[in-house]
């Protein structure tokens, strides 16, 4: 059984993309910035990369970034896992998003370990502290460069669409009674888990009370959480920019799958075609020996 992002704790269950990150060319000796001012150089690379055929059994397969560590580790994983992480958002990753892949890319298992230089660690810790479920341009750039060097990988991207949902405001508008704007002095329960975009949630604790409680959560964070529950990717189209405290109830009916009741919040999900991209492989070789 695959354990995803085991080492990053609750941050991995649900990494954040900062709007000020740009991809530009700088000498590799440039001092790394952190936080929302971080700059991802196009030549940014792991200090050391090891890619070896894996001897790990299924109970040892791991994909993760050790919390506070200096490595990306994909143990016992096909290289397709790392390739998709290098280009695609977490919820868009699937085999049909990759065109022209040889069978070994899916079937051969490798141990891929990328070690980050000491100079790049502050930015690495800042950008990898929240899991895999939102884009991380630093990790993506490092993975792309490693695959290009070791596998002679060349790809191009083509626009595509996938079935999903848009999170929108219902006709009567958001319900301020149930969708309460968060304040700096709000008390957040100790058992609240971190989710993408710095939100928090307390999950369902018993079948008799099928309610998820959210704290200081943006609509982008709610959309990402719903992507795991709605059966497809969800994009935020509410136009609401604040963070909120609210609860969502899981409803069910006999013979039907459960769904999440957003009506009390003045929100709803509508089916939509979600734009994405396909990775077209122009050239790839099995990784060169360490």
Protein backbone atom coordinates (compact mmCIF):
# COMPACT_ATOMS: atom_id res chain seq x y z
CA UNK A 1 0.00 0.00 0.00
CA UNK A 2 1.33 3.41 -0.94
CA UNK A 3 1.80 5.87 1.89
CA UNK A 4 1.74 9.39 0.44
CA UNK A 5 3.74 12.18 2.06
CA UNK A 6 4.03 10.22 5.26
CA UNK A 7 6.64 12.50 6.77
CA UNK A 8 4.85 15.81 6.47
CA UNK A 9 2.11 14.91 8.92
CA UNK A 10 -1.30 16.54 8.71
CA UNK A 11 -0.04 19.07 6.18
CA UNK A 12 0.08 16.33 3.59
CA UNK A 13 -3.46 15.05 3.93
CA UNK A 14 -5.08 17.63 2.16
CA UNK A 15 2.03 22.70 -0.62
CA UNK A 16 0.92 26.16 -1.34
CA UNK A 17 1.45 28.27 -4.41
CA UNK A 18 2.48 31.83 -3.63
CA UNK A 19 1.39 34.42 -6.12
CA UNK A 20 4.65 36.35 -6.05
CA UNK A 21 6.76 33.42 -7.22
CA UNK A 22 8.13 33.93 -10.71
CA UNK A 23 10.40 31.77 -12.83
CA UNK A 24 13.41 33.78 -13.94
CA UNK A 25 17.05 33.23 -14.80
CA UNK A 26 19.59 33.99 -12.10
CA UNK A 27 23.06 32.64 -11.37
CA UNK A 28 22.88 29.59 -9.10
CA UNK A 29 24.80 31.52 -6.46
CA UNK A 30 21.99 34.01 -6.01
CA UNK A 31 20.73 34.10 -2.44
CA UNK A 32 17.37 32.32 -2.18
CA UNK A 33 14.37 34.29 -1.06
CA UNK A 34 11.62 32.80 1.06
CA UNK A 35 7.89 33.14 1.61
CA UNK A 36 5.81 35.11 -0.88
CA UNK A 37 8.93 36.87 -2.20
CA UNK A 38 10.58 33.57 -3.18
CA UNK A 39 12.06 33.39 -6.66
CA UNK A 40 12.42 30.10 -8.47
CA UNK A 41 15.37 30.10 -10.84
CA UNK A 42 14.96 28.12 -14.04
CA UNK A 43 18.32 26.44 -13.34
CA UNK A 44 17.36 25.45 -9.79
CA UNK A 45 18.40 21.85 -9.13
CA UNK A 46 18.88 19.34 -6.36
CA UNK A 47 22.39 19.29 -4.94
CA UNK A 48 22.47 15.49 -5.26
CA UNK A 49 20.10 13.17 -7.12
CA UNK A 50 19.98 9.38 -6.78
CA UNK A 51 17.71 7.30 -9.06
CA UNK A 52 18.11 3.54 -8.69
CA UNK A 53 15.97 0.49 -9.50
CA UNK A 54 14.00 -0.19 -6.34
CA UNK A 55 14.18 -3.26 -4.17
CA UNK A 56 11.53 -1.94 -1.80
CA UNK A 57 8.48 -4.07 -1.14
CA UNK A 58 4.92 -2.64 -1.21
CA UNK A 59 4.99 -1.96 2.52
CA UNK A 60 8.07 0.26 1.98
CA UNK A 61 6.73 2.36 -0.90
CA UNK A 62 6.81 6.01 0.08
CA UNK A 63 6.28 9.39 -1.52
CA UNK A 64 7.11 12.35 0.66
CA UNK A 65 9.18 15.24 1.89
CA UNK A 66 10.46 14.70 5.45
CA UNK A 67 9.22 17.54 7.64
CA UNK A 68 12.08 19.98 8.26
CA UNK A 69 14.36 17.83 6.09
CA UNK A 70 16.35 18.40 2.92
CA UNK A 71 15.07 15.69 0.56
CA UNK A 72 12.35 14.67 -1.86
CA UNK A 73 11.87 10.91 -1.64
CA UNK A 74 9.90 8.62 -3.97
CA UNK A 75 10.73 5.10 -2.79
CA UNK A 76 9.45 2.15 -4.81
CA UNK A 77 7.58 4.51 -7.14
CA UNK A 78 7.37 4.42 -10.94
CA UNK A 79 9.05 7.48 -12.45
CA UNK A 80 5.65 8.50 -13.83
CA UNK A 81 4.76 9.59 -10.28
CA UNK A 82 7.64 12.07 -10.19
CA UNK A 83 7.03 13.18 -13.78
CA UNK A 84 3.40 14.07 -13.05
CA UNK A 85 4.36 15.93 -9.87
CA UNK A 86 6.81 17.96 -11.96
CA UNK A 87 4.08 19.37 -14.22
CA UNK A 88 0.54 18.66 -13.05
CA UNK A 89 -1.56 19.79 -10.08
CA UNK A 90 -2.21 16.99 -7.61
CA UNK A 91 -5.88 16.56 -8.52
CA UNK A 92 -5.13 16.50 -12.28
CA UNK A 93 -2.62 13.65 -12.10
CA UNK A 94 -3.71 10.53 -13.97
CA UNK A 95 -2.32 8.18 -16.58
CA UNK A 96 -4.45 9.68 -19.34
CA UNK A 97 -2.76 13.07 -18.80
CA UNK A 98 0.56 11.63 -20.08
CA UNK A 99 0.91 10.95 -23.83
CA UNK A 100 3.67 8.91 -25.47
CA UNK A 101 4.99 7.28 -22.30
CA UNK A 102 6.86 3.96 -22.66
CA UNK A 103 5.49 1.12 -20.56
CA UNK A 104 8.52 1.09 -18.23
CA UNK A 105 7.66 4.60 -17.04
CA UNK A 106 4.56 3.14 -15.36
CA UNK A 107 5.74 -0.38 -14.57
CA UNK A 108 9.38 -0.13 -13.42
CA UNK A 109 9.86 0.95 -9.81
CA UNK A 110 12.67 3.25 -8.69
CA UNK A 111 14.01 4.90 -5.57
CA UNK A 112 14.31 8.61 -6.42
CA UNK A 113 15.98 10.78 -3.79
CA UNK A 114 16.76 14.45 -4.40
CA UNK A 115 18.82 16.28 -1.77
CA UNK A 116 18.56 20.09 -1.48
CA UNK A 117 21.63 22.28 -0.97
CA UNK A 118 22.06 24.12 2.30
CA UNK A 119 21.72 27.48 0.50
CA UNK A 120 18.28 26.52 -0.83
CA UNK A 121 16.93 25.05 2.43
CA UNK A 122 15.12 28.17 3.76
CA UNK A 123 13.02 28.44 0.60
CA UNK A 124 12.60 24.64 0.47
CA UNK A 125 11.22 24.48 4.00
CA UNK A 126 8.91 27.41 3.34
CA UNK A 127 7.46 26.00 0.13
CA UNK A 128 7.23 22.32 1.07
CA UNK A 129 5.70 22.66 4.52
CA UNK A 130 2.08 22.16 3.45
CA UNK A 131 1.98 18.90 1.51
CA UNK A 132 1.57 18.00 -2.17
CA UNK A 133 -1.95 19.12 -3.01
CA UNK A 134 -1.25 22.59 -4.33
CA UNK A 135 1.53 23.54 -6.77
CA UNK A 136 5.09 24.09 -5.58
CA UNK A 137 7.18 25.77 -8.31
CA UNK A 138 10.47 25.09 -6.50
CA UNK A 139 9.86 21.34 -6.28
CA UNK A 140 8.51 21.24 -9.83
CA UNK A 141 11.58 22.99 -11.26
CA UNK A 142 13.97 20.71 -9.39
CA UNK A 143 12.13 17.58 -10.54
CA UNK A 144 12.02 18.76 -14.16
CA UNK A 145 15.74 19.50 -14.21
CA UNK A 146 16.58 16.16 -12.57
CA UNK A 147 14.50 14.22 -15.11
CA UNK A 148 16.03 16.18 -18.00
CA UNK A 149 19.56 15.42 -16.80
CA UNK A 150 19.15 11.79 -15.78
CA UNK A 151 16.49 10.61 -18.28
CA UNK A 152 17.14 13.03 -21.17
CA UNK A 153 13.48 13.94 -20.81
CA UNK A 154 11.95 16.35 -23.31
CA UNK A 155 8.24 17.18 -23.18
CA UNK A 156 5.72 19.71 -24.38
CA UNK A 157 2.32 20.56 -22.95
CA UNK A 158 -0.98 20.74 -24.78
CA UNK A 159 -4.24 22.25 -23.43
CA UNK A 160 -6.87 19.77 -22.24
CA UNK A 161 -10.05 19.59 -20.19
CA UNK A 162 -11.38 17.26 -17.53
CA UNK A 163 -14.78 16.82 -15.91
CA UNK A 164 -15.11 18.56 -12.57
CA UNK A 165 -17.03 21.23 -10.69
CA UNK A 166 -17.03 24.95 -10.00
CA UNK A 167 -17.72 26.23 -6.49
CA UNK A 168 -20.01 29.24 -6.92
CA UNK A 169 -22.25 31.50 -4.86
CA UNK A 170 -25.93 30.54 -4.98
CA UNK A 171 -28.58 32.88 -6.33
CA UNK A 172 -29.35 34.48 -2.96
CA UNK A 173 -25.70 35.14 -2.16
CA UNK A 174 -23.49 33.87 0.67
CA UNK A 175 -25.19 33.30 4.02
CA UNK A 176 -23.28 35.49 6.48
CA UNK A 177 -24.93 33.70 9.40
CA UNK A 178 -23.31 30.37 8.55
CA UNK A 179 -20.31 31.59 6.57
CA UNK A 180 -18.67 33.75 9.21
CA UNK A 181 -15.66 35.88 8.33
CA UNK A 182 -12.69 34.79 10.46
CA UNK A 183 -11.05 37.16 12.95
CA UNK A 184 -7.53 37.28 14.33
CA UNK A 185 -8.73 36.39 17.84
CA UNK A 186 -10.79 33.34 16.82
CA UNK A 187 -10.13 30.24 18.92
CA UNK A 188 -9.22 27.23 16.79
CA UNK A 189 -9.66 23.77 18.37
CA UNK A 190 -6.48 21.88 19.20
CA UNK A 191 -7.60 18.93 17.05
CA UNK A 192 -8.04 21.07 13.91
CA UNK A 193 -5.90 19.77 11.05
CA UNK A 194 -4.00 21.91 8.57
CA UNK A 195 -5.29 21.96 4.98
CA UNK A 196 -3.95 23.77 1.88
CA UNK A 197 -3.85 27.55 1.78
CA UNK A 198 -3.44 27.69 5.57
CA UNK A 199 -6.96 26.60 6.46
CA UNK A 200 -7.93 24.31 9.34
CA UNK A 201 -10.60 21.64 9.73
CA UNK A 202 -11.93 19.25 12.33
CA UNK A 203 -13.02 16.11 10.47
CA UNK A 204 -16.06 13.96 11.10
CA UNK A 205 -15.52 12.31 14.46
CA UNK A 206 -18.55 9.99 14.53
CA UNK A 207 -21.22 8.73 12.08
CA UNK A 208 -23.89 10.24 14.32
CA UNK A 209 -22.49 13.73 13.72
CA UNK A 210 -21.35 13.81 10.05
CA UNK A 211 -20.13 17.43 10.12
CA UNK A 212 -16.77 18.88 9.08
CA UNK A 213 -15.89 22.13 10.86
CA UNK A 214 -13.64 24.62 9.02
CA UNK A 215 -11.68 27.49 10.59
CA UNK A 216 -9.86 30.43 8.95
CA UNK A 217 -10.50 28.76 5.62
CA UNK A 218 -10.56 30.45 2.22
CA UNK A 219 -12.84 29.41 -0.61
CA UNK A 220 -9.75 28.16 -2.47
CA UNK A 221 -9.02 25.87 0.48
CA UNK A 222 -12.63 24.68 0.58
CA UNK A 223 -12.54 23.96 -3.17
CA UNK A 224 -9.36 21.91 -2.74
CA UNK A 225 -10.93 19.93 0.11
CA UNK A 226 -14.08 19.34 -1.92
CA UNK A 227 -11.92 18.04 -4.77
CA UNK A 228 -11.24 15.03 -2.57
CA UNK A 229 -14.92 14.50 -1.83
CA UNK A 230 -16.86 15.53 -4.94
CA UNK A 231 -15.55 12.94 -7.40
CA UNK A 232 -13.55 15.42 -9.51
CA UNK A 233 -11.47 18.58 -9.31
CA UNK A 234 -13.21 21.68 -7.94
CA UNK A 235 -12.31 25.26 -8.87
CA UNK A 236 -13.21 28.25 -6.74
CA UNK A 237 -15.42 30.65 -8.71
CA UNK A 238 -17.11 32.33 -5.73
CA UNK A 239 -15.22 35.64 -5.92
CA UNK A 240 -15.04 35.57 -2.09
CA UNK A 241 -11.56 36.60 -0.93
CA UNK A 242 -11.76 36.44 2.88
CA UNK A 243 -11.19 33.50 5.21
CA UNK A 244 -14.17 32.05 7.06
CA UNK A 245 -15.36 29.78 9.85
CA UNK A 246 -18.15 27.40 8.83
CA UNK A 247 -19.40 23.82 8.92
CA UNK A 248 -20.39 21.42 6.14
CA UNK A 249 -22.66 18.41 6.70
CA UNK A 250 -22.33 15.13 4.84
CA UNK A 251 -25.74 14.06 3.62
CA UNK A 252 -26.73 10.64 2.36
CA UNK A 253 -29.77 8.89 0.98
CA UNK A 254 -30.48 5.18 0.72
CA UNK A 255 -28.90 3.72 -2.40
CA UNK A 256 -27.13 6.97 -3.27
CA UNK A 257 -23.59 8.19 -2.61
CA UNK A 258 -23.19 10.88 0.02
CA UNK A 259 -22.82 14.52 -0.88
CA UNK A 260 -21.91 17.72 0.96
CA UNK A 261 -24.65 20.17 1.80
CA UNK A 262 -23.35 23.62 0.83
CA UNK A 263 -26.76 25.30 0.66
CA UNK A 264 -26.67 26.63 4.26
CA UNK A 265 -23.53 28.56 3.29
CA UNK A 266 -25.16 30.08 0.20
CA UNK A 267 -22.81 28.08 -2.02
CA UNK A 268 -23.18 25.27 -4.54
CA UNK A 269 -21.23 23.03 -6.88
CA UNK A 270 -22.02 23.06 -10.60
CA UNK A 271 -20.60 20.58 -13.13
CA UNK A 272 -17.96 22.15 -15.37
CA UNK A 273 -15.12 21.40 -17.73
CA UNK A 274 -11.93 22.21 -15.84
CA UNK A 275 -8.94 23.34 -17.93
CA UNK A 276 -5.73 21.38 -17.51
CA UNK A 277 -2.82 20.22 -19.64
CA UNK A 278 -1.53 16.96 -21.04
CA UNK A 279 2.16 16.10 -20.92
CA UNK A 280 3.40 14.89 -24.32
CA UNK A 281 6.69 13.02 -24.07
CA UNK A 282 8.99 13.81 -26.99
CA UNK A 283 11.95 11.82 -25.66
CA UNK A 284 12.82 9.85 -22.52
CA UNK A 285 15.43 7.27 -21.58
CA UNK A 286 15.80 5.04 -18.57
CA UNK A 287 17.75 6.93 -15.90
CA UNK A 288 21.51 6.94 -16.17
CA UNK A 289 23.33 5.09 -13.34
CA UNK A 290 24.21 6.99 -10.18
